[in-house]
Amino acid sequence: MKNYKIMVVDDESDILDLLEKALKIEGLGNILKIDNGRAAVTVCKEQQPDIIILDVMLPDIDGYEVCKQIRQFSHSPILFLSSKNDELDKILGLAVGGDDYVTKPFSPKEVAYRVKAQLRRAGYMEKTAENKLLKAGNLVIDVEGCRVTKNNQIIELTAREFEILYYLAQNMGRVISRERLYEAIWGEDSFGCDNTIMVHIRHLREKLEDHPNAPQYIITMKGLGYKMVIPNEVEK
């Protein structure tokens, strides 16, 4: 396995040590331990970690704000840790650019396995890239570079948003159910996935579409799911 760089951000030293130990047991030993939000942003910019484990409740700025600042320069997957188990908090975490959300108390081994799952997906995308460009109208998906441009302007996406867009583009013109999309991207059972998918699709549209409420790329097929189309092929 590649020597991935993992940044863990939590103001509790016991949790930092616990996660470091769990990650090392799974062969993930290059750990950056940070205990506050501002330092997390600075270190992330300097060190460019492959994945970030981020506590929501930090002593200076909260994890949601940290995530928003990191998303200005990094696409690395972000896994939130939080004592908040409310569905709205989870949706907020996804809405600001997070890729996964684990509530406290948690199993360190589960967190380590979630990290490995994120890294496997990143590795899969690297292996299947082959200098491929997928195009839909003015939208270009650079699979190898994990980069999306529209009218030659770079569109900043989270790792999860890129995965969703790439999957839909691979299945251009096909209707993909929410359940199938969730299972393909998250690799988990799709029970209760609707809100998670809707949040990510909404944010993709806000970034990709000229008019998000009248989408031209990612179309909702009522009662069925979503499909990606070339703009001039949108069904009236």
Protein backbone atom coordinates (compact mmCIF):
# COMPACT_ATOMS: atom_id res chain seq x y z
CA MET A 1 0.00 0.00 0.00
CA LYS A 2 1.16 3.52 -0.81
CA ASN A 3 2.55 5.48 2.15
CA TYR A 4 -0.50 7.71 2.51
CA LYS A 5 -0.34 10.88 4.58
CA ILE A 6 -3.28 11.14 7.00
CA MET A 7 -4.11 14.26 9.00
CA VAL A 8 -6.10 13.73 12.21
CA VAL A 9 -7.60 16.84 13.82
CA ASP A 10 -9.03 16.64 17.36
CA ASP A 11 -8.46 18.67 20.53
CA GLU A 12 -8.46 15.53 22.71
CA SER A 13 -5.00 13.97 22.85
CA ASP A 14 -6.46 10.58 23.85
CA ILE A 15 -8.49 10.46 20.63
CA LEU A 16 -5.50 11.51 18.54
CA ASP A 17 -3.41 8.72 20.08
CA LEU A 18 -6.23 6.19 19.77
CA LEU A 19 -6.75 6.89 16.08
CA GLU A 20 -3.03 6.94 15.40
CA LYS A 21 -2.72 3.48 16.94
CA ALA A 22 -5.73 2.12 15.00
CA LEU A 23 -4.44 3.51 11.71
CA LYS A 24 -0.95 2.11 12.27
CA ILE A 25 -2.39 -1.34 12.99
CA GLU A 26 -4.00 -1.17 9.54
CA GLY A 27 -0.66 -0.25 7.94
CA LEU A 28 -1.37 3.47 7.73
CA GLY A 29 1.53 4.97 9.63
CA ASN A 30 2.18 8.46 8.25
CA ILE A 31 -0.02 10.42 10.68
CA LEU A 32 -0.17 14.19 11.22
CA LYS A 33 -1.81 14.96 14.58
CA ILE A 34 -3.32 18.44 14.95
CA ASP A 35 -5.28 19.80 17.95
CA ASN A 36 -6.94 22.95 16.57
CA GLY A 37 -8.70 24.21 13.48
CA ARG A 38 -6.43 27.04 12.36
CA ALA A 39 -3.35 24.84 12.53
CA ALA A 40 -5.24 22.18 10.57
CA VAL A 41 -5.82 24.58 7.67
CA THR A 42 -2.17 25.69 7.67
CA VAL A 43 -0.75 22.16 7.90
CA CYS A 44 -3.13 20.88 5.24
CA LYS A 45 -1.99 23.60 2.84
CA GLU A 46 1.68 22.86 3.55
CA GLN A 47 1.60 19.04 3.77
CA GLN A 48 -1.25 18.17 1.35
CA PRO A 49 -2.47 15.04 3.20
CA ASP A 50 -4.20 12.30 1.23
CA ILE A 51 -7.13 12.17 3.65
CA ILE A 52 -8.31 14.17 6.68
CA ILE A 53 -10.10 13.00 9.84
CA LEU A 54 -11.69 16.13 11.28
CA ASP A 55 -13.47 16.66 14.59
CA VAL A 56 -16.45 19.03 14.42
CA MET A 57 -16.01 20.54 17.90
CA LEU A 58 -12.65 22.31 18.03
CA PRO A 59 -11.50 25.01 20.48
CA ASP A 60 -10.96 27.82 17.96
CA ILE A 61 -12.99 27.37 14.77
CA ASP A 62 -15.35 24.46 14.27
CA GLY A 63 -14.73 21.59 11.88
CA TYR A 64 -17.33 22.79 9.39
CA GLU A 65 -15.45 26.08 8.95
CA VAL A 66 -12.15 24.22 8.74
CA CYS A 67 -13.62 22.04 6.01
CA LYS A 68 -14.85 25.05 4.04
CA GLN A 69 -11.42 26.67 4.19
CA ILE A 70 -9.63 23.45 3.18
CA ARG A 71 -11.99 23.00 0.24
CA GLN A 72 -10.64 26.24 -1.22
CA PHE A 73 -7.38 24.47 -2.08
CA SER A 74 -7.74 20.71 -1.49
CA HIS A 75 -9.88 17.85 -2.83
CA SER A 76 -8.64 15.33 -0.24
CA PRO A 77 -11.43 13.24 1.32
CA ILE A 78 -12.61 14.57 4.69
CA LEU A 79 -14.12 12.28 7.32
CA PHE A 80 -15.93 14.15 10.11
CA LEU A 81 -15.94 13.00 13.73
CA SER A 82 -18.71 14.37 15.92
CA SER A 83 -20.65 13.79 19.13
CA LYS A 84 -23.67 15.20 17.27
CA ASN A 85 -25.86 12.43 15.92
CA ASP A 86 -28.63 14.59 14.50
CA GLU A 87 -29.40 14.06 10.81
CA LEU A 88 -29.18 17.82 10.14
CA ASP A 89 -25.61 17.87 11.47
CA LYS A 90 -24.66 15.03 9.16
CA ILE A 91 -26.24 16.80 6.20
CA LEU A 92 -24.37 19.99 7.12
CA GLY A 93 -21.11 18.07 7.20
CA LEU A 94 -21.75 16.75 3.70
CA ALA A 95 -22.99 20.13 2.50
CA VAL A 96 -19.78 21.97 3.40
CA GLY A 97 -17.63 19.43 1.56
CA GLY A 98 -17.23 16.41 3.83
CA ASP A 99 -17.13 12.90 2.39
CA ASP A 100 -18.09 10.82 5.44
CA TYR A 101 -19.41 11.35 8.99
CA VAL A 102 -18.80 9.20 12.07
CA THR A 103 -20.45 9.88 15.42
CA LYS A 104 -18.82 9.56 18.85
CA PRO A 105 -18.37 7.24 20.61
CA PHE A 106 -16.88 5.39 17.66
CA SER A 107 -14.94 2.24 16.97
CA PRO A 108 -11.34 3.18 16.08
CA LYS A 109 -11.20 0.13 13.84
CA GLU A 110 -14.32 1.29 11.97
CA VAL A 111 -12.75 4.71 11.41
CA ALA A 112 -9.58 3.03 10.12
CA TYR A 113 -11.61 0.90 7.72
CA ARG A 114 -13.55 3.92 6.50
CA VAL A 115 -10.23 5.65 5.84
CA LYS A 116 -9.00 2.62 3.90
CA ALA A 117 -12.23 2.56 1.88
CA GLN A 118 -11.71 6.20 0.89
CA LEU A 119 -8.11 5.50 -0.08
CA ARG A 120 -9.11 2.43 -2.10
CA ARG A 121 -11.53 4.55 -4.10
CA ALA A 122 -8.80 7.10 -4.75
CA GLY A 123 -6.46 4.28 -5.81
CA TYR A 124 -9.13 2.77 -8.08
CA MET A 125 -9.57 6.09 -9.83
CA GLU A 126 -5.81 6.35 -10.35
CA LYS A 127 -5.63 2.83 -11.81
CA THR A 128 -8.54 3.30 -14.21
CA ALA A 129 -7.59 6.79 -15.40
CA GLU A 130 -5.53 6.01 -18.54
CA ASN A 131 -5.32 9.64 -19.65
CA LYS A 132 -9.04 9.64 -20.30
CA LEU A 133 -11.19 12.70 -20.89
CA LEU A 134 -14.97 12.47 -20.62
CA LYS A 135 -16.89 15.30 -22.28
CA ALA A 136 -20.46 16.54 -22.02
CA GLY A 137 -20.98 19.75 -23.93
CA ASN A 138 -18.67 22.39 -22.42
CA LEU A 139 -17.92 20.13 -19.43
CA VAL A 140 -14.67 18.13 -19.48
CA ILE A 141 -13.77 15.50 -16.89
CA ASP A 142 -10.05 14.76 -16.74
CA VAL A 143 -10.07 11.31 -15.16
CA GLU A 144 -6.32 11.03 -14.70
CA GLY A 145 -5.97 14.47 -13.15
CA CYS A 146 -9.23 14.18 -11.17
CA ARG A 147 -10.10 17.60 -12.54
CA VAL A 148 -13.25 19.09 -14.02
CA THR A 149 -13.40 22.13 -16.28
CA LYS A 150 -16.28 24.02 -17.85
CA ASN A 151 -15.53 26.45 -20.68
CA ASN A 152 -11.85 25.88 -19.78
CA GLN A 153 -12.42 27.10 -16.20
CA ILE A 154 -11.57 24.70 -13.35
CA ILE A 155 -14.54 23.68 -11.19
CA GLU A 156 -13.56 22.86 -7.61
CA LEU A 157 -15.17 19.59 -6.48
CA THR A 158 -14.75 17.47 -3.38
CA ALA A 159 -13.42 13.94 -3.83
CA ARG A 160 -16.91 12.52 -3.34
CA GLU A 161 -18.49 14.97 -5.78
CA PHE A 162 -15.89 14.01 -8.38
CA GLU A 163 -16.63 10.31 -7.87
CA ILE A 164 -20.37 10.89 -8.34
CA LEU A 165 -19.87 12.98 -11.46
CA TYR A 166 -17.42 10.46 -12.91
CA TYR A 167 -19.80 7.58 -12.26
CA LEU A 168 -22.72 9.41 -13.88
CA ALA A 169 -20.55 10.39 -16.85
CA GLN A 170 -19.47 6.76 -17.32
CA ASN A 171 -23.17 5.92 -17.53
CA MET A 172 -24.08 8.88 -19.75
CA GLY A 173 -27.76 8.85 -20.71
CA ARG A 174 -28.62 5.97 -18.36
CA VAL A 175 -30.97 6.42 -15.43
CA ILE A 176 -29.14 5.64 -12.16
CA SER A 177 -31.25 5.09 -9.06
CA ARG A 178 -30.28 6.77 -5.79
CA GLU A 179 -29.72 3.33 -4.28
CA ARG A 180 -27.40 2.19 -7.06
CA LEU A 181 -25.48 5.48 -6.97
CA TYR A 182 -25.00 5.31 -3.21
CA GLU A 183 -23.87 1.69 -3.24
CA ALA A 184 -21.44 2.35 -6.11
CA ILE A 185 -19.82 5.40 -4.51
CA TRP A 186 -20.04 4.69 -0.78
CA GLY A 187 -19.73 0.92 -1.04
CA GLU A 188 -22.40 0.46 1.62
CA ASP A 189 -26.03 -0.62 1.86
CA SER A 190 -28.26 2.16 0.53
CA PHE A 191 -30.82 2.16 3.35
CA GLY A 192 -31.65 5.78 4.24
CA CYS A 193 -29.40 7.19 1.53
CA ASP A 194 -31.85 9.71 0.00
CA ASN A 195 -30.74 12.81 1.91
CA THR A 196 -27.06 12.06 1.40
CA ILE A 197 -27.47 11.70 -2.36
CA MET A 198 -29.72 14.75 -2.64
CA VAL A 199 -27.20 16.96 -0.80
CA HIS A 200 -24.34 15.91 -3.07
CA ILE A 201 -26.38 16.25 -6.27
CA ARG A 202 -27.56 19.70 -5.20
CA HIS A 203 -24.00 20.85 -4.60
CA LEU A 204 -22.81 19.38 -7.88
CA ARG A 205 -25.52 21.30 -9.68
CA GLU A 206 -24.60 24.52 -7.89
CA LYS A 207 -21.05 24.13 -9.17
CA LEU A 208 -21.74 22.76 -12.66
CA GLU A 209 -24.98 24.32 -13.83
CA ASP A 210 -25.61 27.85 -15.08
CA HIS A 211 -29.05 27.58 -13.51
CA PRO A 212 -29.08 24.90 -10.77
CA ASN A 213 -32.88 24.90 -10.54
CA ALA A 214 -33.09 24.12 -14.26
CA PRO A 215 -30.20 21.64 -14.64
CA GLN A 216 -28.75 20.83 -18.05
CA TYR A 217 -26.22 18.14 -17.08
CA ILE A 218 -27.61 16.10 -14.17
CA ILE A 219 -31.29 15.49 -14.66
CA THR A 220 -33.75 14.16 -12.09
CA MET A 221 -35.96 11.34 -13.38
CA LYS A 222 -38.86 11.53 -10.99
CA GLY A 223 -39.28 8.35 -8.97
CA LEU A 224 -36.35 6.71 -10.76
CA GLY A 225 -33.12 8.55 -9.99
CA TYR A 226 -30.70 10.67 -12.02
CA LYS A 227 -29.05 10.65 -15.39
CA MET A 228 -26.30 12.72 -16.94
CA VAL A 229 -26.83 14.11 -20.41
CA ILE A 230 -25.22 16.43 -22.95
CA PRO A 231 -27.05 19.77 -22.48
CA ASN A 232 -28.75 19.91 -25.89
CA GLU A 233 -30.15 16.42 -25.25
CA VAL A 234 -32.16 17.39 -22.16
CA GLU A 235 -35.70 16.11 -22.48
CA LYS A 236 -38.36 18.79 -22.37
